[in-house]
Amino acid sequence: MVRRKGTSRVSGPQSSTNDGGGPGPAAPSFPSLRERRPVVYWVVIVAVVAMVLSTVASFVSALV
């Protein structure tokens, strides 16, 4: 794809490196938080679960 001058839109592909017509090789992706910092990931997961449980518990205690 080629970026047009003066706009944020892009045009279609100019040339294809593969003859299949499908997408080319996948672009390298940024690793997820789970892969980069697993301790931070699990701390966030535990914190979210704790907040959900406390919210459910407060609703239950309000009903009882």
N, C-alpha and C. Protein backbone atom coordinates (compact mmCIF):
# COMPACT_ATOMS: atom_id res chain seq x y z
N MET A 1 0.83 -1.18 0.00
CA MET A 1 0.00 0.00 0.00
C MET A 1 0.87 1.24 0.00
N VAL A 2 0.38 2.26 -0.64
CA VAL A 2 1.12 3.50 -0.74
C VAL A 2 0.29 4.62 -0.13
N ARG A 3 0.91 5.42 0.73
CA ARG A 3 0.20 6.52 1.35
C ARG A 3 0.11 7.68 0.36
N ARG A 4 -1.08 8.22 0.21
CA ARG A 4 -1.27 9.36 -0.67
C ARG A 4 -0.81 10.62 0.04
N LYS A 5 -0.28 11.53 -0.71
CA LYS A 5 0.23 12.78 -0.14
C LYS A 5 -0.93 13.67 0.29
N GLY A 6 -0.88 14.17 1.53
CA GLY A 6 -1.86 15.12 1.99
C GLY A 6 -3.10 14.52 2.62
N THR A 7 -3.25 13.19 2.64
CA THR A 7 -4.41 12.58 3.27
C THR A 7 -3.96 11.45 4.17
N SER A 8 -4.89 10.95 4.97
CA SER A 8 -4.56 9.82 5.82
C SER A 8 -5.01 8.51 5.19
N ARG A 9 -5.56 8.57 4.00
CA ARG A 9 -6.03 7.35 3.33
C ARG A 9 -4.88 6.69 2.58
N VAL A 10 -5.03 5.41 2.35
CA VAL A 10 -4.01 4.69 1.60
C VAL A 10 -4.64 4.08 0.37
N SER A 11 -3.85 3.92 -0.67
CA SER A 11 -4.34 3.30 -1.90
C SER A 11 -4.07 1.80 -1.84
N GLY A 12 -4.54 1.09 -2.82
CA GLY A 12 -4.35 -0.35 -2.88
C GLY A 12 -2.89 -0.70 -3.12
N PRO A 13 -2.58 -1.99 -3.07
CA PRO A 13 -1.18 -2.40 -3.26
C PRO A 13 -0.71 -2.12 -4.68
N GLN A 14 0.50 -1.63 -4.82
CA GLN A 14 1.06 -1.34 -6.13
C GLN A 14 1.55 -2.62 -6.81
N SER A 15 2.24 -3.44 -6.06
CA SER A 15 2.72 -4.70 -6.62
C SER A 15 2.69 -5.75 -5.53
N SER A 16 2.55 -6.98 -5.95
CA SER A 16 2.47 -8.08 -4.99
C SER A 16 3.71 -8.95 -5.12
N THR A 17 4.26 -9.38 -3.99
CA THR A 17 5.44 -10.24 -4.03
C THR A 17 5.05 -11.70 -4.17
N ASN A 18 3.81 -12.05 -3.83
CA ASN A 18 3.39 -13.44 -4.00
C ASN A 18 2.38 -13.53 -5.13
N ASP A 19 2.31 -14.67 -5.78
CA ASP A 19 1.42 -14.85 -6.91
C ASP A 19 0.07 -15.40 -6.50
N GLY A 20 -0.12 -15.74 -5.23
CA GLY A 20 -1.35 -16.33 -4.77
C GLY A 20 -2.48 -15.33 -4.63
N GLY A 21 -2.18 -14.05 -4.56
CA GLY A 21 -3.21 -13.05 -4.42
C GLY A 21 -3.65 -12.85 -2.99
N GLY A 22 -3.17 -13.66 -2.08
CA GLY A 22 -3.55 -13.54 -0.68
C GLY A 22 -2.65 -12.56 0.04
N PRO A 23 -2.83 -12.45 1.35
CA PRO A 23 -1.98 -11.53 2.10
C PRO A 23 -0.54 -12.00 2.14
N GLY A 24 0.36 -11.06 2.27
CA GLY A 24 1.78 -11.37 2.33
C GLY A 24 2.17 -11.90 3.70
N PRO A 25 3.44 -11.92 3.99
CA PRO A 25 3.87 -12.41 5.29
C PRO A 25 3.37 -11.52 6.41
N ALA A 26 3.11 -12.11 7.55
CA ALA A 26 2.58 -11.36 8.69
C ALA A 26 3.63 -10.39 9.22
N ALA A 27 3.18 -9.21 9.58
CA ALA A 27 4.08 -8.21 10.15
C ALA A 27 4.45 -8.62 11.57
N PRO A 28 5.67 -8.33 12.00
CA PRO A 28 6.03 -8.67 13.38
C PRO A 28 5.16 -7.87 14.35
N SER A 29 4.66 -8.53 15.37
CA SER A 29 3.77 -7.87 16.30
C SER A 29 4.48 -7.57 17.61
N PHE A 30 3.96 -6.60 18.31
CA PHE A 30 4.49 -6.22 19.62
C PHE A 30 4.05 -7.29 20.61
N PRO A 31 4.96 -7.83 21.41
CA PRO A 31 4.56 -8.90 22.34
C PRO A 31 3.57 -8.39 23.39
N SER A 32 2.68 -9.27 23.81
CA SER A 32 1.65 -8.88 24.77
C SER A 32 2.26 -8.70 26.15
N LEU A 33 1.46 -8.07 27.02
CA LEU A 33 1.91 -7.86 28.40
C LEU A 33 2.15 -9.19 29.08
N ARG A 34 1.37 -10.19 28.73
CA ARG A 34 1.54 -11.52 29.33
C ARG A 34 2.90 -12.11 29.00
N GLU A 35 3.41 -11.83 27.80
CA GLU A 35 4.72 -12.35 27.40
C GLU A 35 5.86 -11.49 27.94
N ARG A 36 5.66 -10.16 27.97
CA ARG A 36 6.74 -9.27 28.39
C ARG A 36 6.92 -9.24 29.90
N ARG A 37 5.83 -9.08 30.65
CA ARG A 37 5.89 -8.98 32.11
C ARG A 37 4.79 -9.85 32.72
N PRO A 38 5.05 -11.15 32.87
CA PRO A 38 4.00 -12.04 33.35
C PRO A 38 3.54 -11.75 34.77
N VAL A 39 4.43 -11.23 35.63
CA VAL A 39 4.04 -10.93 37.02
C VAL A 39 3.02 -9.79 37.03
N VAL A 40 3.26 -8.75 36.26
CA VAL A 40 2.33 -7.62 36.18
C VAL A 40 0.99 -8.09 35.61
N TYR A 41 1.03 -8.94 34.61
CA TYR A 41 -0.18 -9.47 34.01
C TYR A 41 -1.03 -10.18 35.05
N TRP A 42 -0.41 -11.08 35.83
CA TRP A 42 -1.17 -11.86 36.81
C TRP A 42 -1.63 -10.99 37.97
N VAL A 43 -0.87 -9.96 38.34
CA VAL A 43 -1.32 -9.05 39.39
C VAL A 43 -2.57 -8.31 38.92
N VAL A 44 -2.59 -7.88 37.67
CA VAL A 44 -3.77 -7.20 37.12
C VAL A 44 -4.96 -8.15 37.08
N ILE A 45 -4.74 -9.39 36.67
CA ILE A 45 -5.82 -10.37 36.62
C ILE A 45 -6.41 -10.59 38.01
N VAL A 46 -5.55 -10.77 39.02
CA VAL A 46 -6.02 -10.99 40.39
C VAL A 46 -6.76 -9.76 40.91
N ALA A 47 -6.28 -8.56 40.58
CA ALA A 47 -6.95 -7.34 41.03
C ALA A 47 -8.34 -7.21 40.41
N VAL A 48 -8.48 -7.54 39.14
CA VAL A 48 -9.78 -7.45 38.48
C VAL A 48 -10.75 -8.47 39.08
N VAL A 49 -10.26 -9.68 39.32
CA VAL A 49 -11.12 -10.70 39.93
C VAL A 49 -11.54 -10.27 41.33
N ALA A 50 -10.63 -9.67 42.10
CA ALA A 50 -10.97 -9.21 43.45
C ALA A 50 -12.03 -8.11 43.40
N MET A 51 -11.92 -7.20 42.44
CA MET A 51 -12.91 -6.14 42.33
C MET A 51 -14.28 -6.70 41.94
N VAL A 52 -14.29 -7.65 41.03
CA VAL A 52 -15.56 -8.25 40.62
C VAL A 52 -16.20 -8.99 41.80
N LEU A 53 -15.40 -9.76 42.54
CA LEU A 53 -15.94 -10.49 43.68
C LEU A 53 -16.45 -9.56 44.77
N SER A 54 -15.73 -8.48 45.02
CA SER A 54 -16.20 -7.55 46.05
C SER A 54 -17.48 -6.85 45.62
N THR A 55 -17.62 -6.55 44.33
CA THR A 55 -18.85 -5.94 43.84
C THR A 55 -20.03 -6.90 43.96
N VAL A 56 -19.82 -8.15 43.59
CA VAL A 56 -20.88 -9.15 43.71
C VAL A 56 -21.23 -9.36 45.18
N ALA A 57 -20.22 -9.41 46.05
CA ALA A 57 -20.48 -9.60 47.48
C ALA A 57 -21.26 -8.42 48.06
N SER A 58 -20.96 -7.22 47.62
CA SER A 58 -21.71 -6.06 48.16
C SER A 58 -23.16 -6.09 47.70
N PHE A 59 -23.41 -6.53 46.45
CA PHE A 59 -24.80 -6.66 46.00
C PHE A 59 -25.54 -7.74 46.79
N VAL A 60 -24.87 -8.85 47.06
CA VAL A 60 -25.49 -9.93 47.81
C VAL A 60 -25.79 -9.46 49.24
N SER A 61 -24.85 -8.77 49.86
CA SER A 61 -25.09 -8.31 51.23
C SER A 61 -26.18 -7.24 51.29
N ALA A 62 -26.33 -6.46 50.23
CA ALA A 62 -27.40 -5.46 50.20
C ALA A 62 -28.76 -6.12 50.05
N LEU A 63 -28.82 -7.24 49.35
CA LEU A 63 -30.09 -7.93 49.17
C LEU A 63 -30.49 -8.73 50.41
N VAL A 64 -29.52 -9.16 51.18
CA VAL A 64 -29.81 -10.00 52.36
C VAL A 64 -30.00 -9.15 53.56
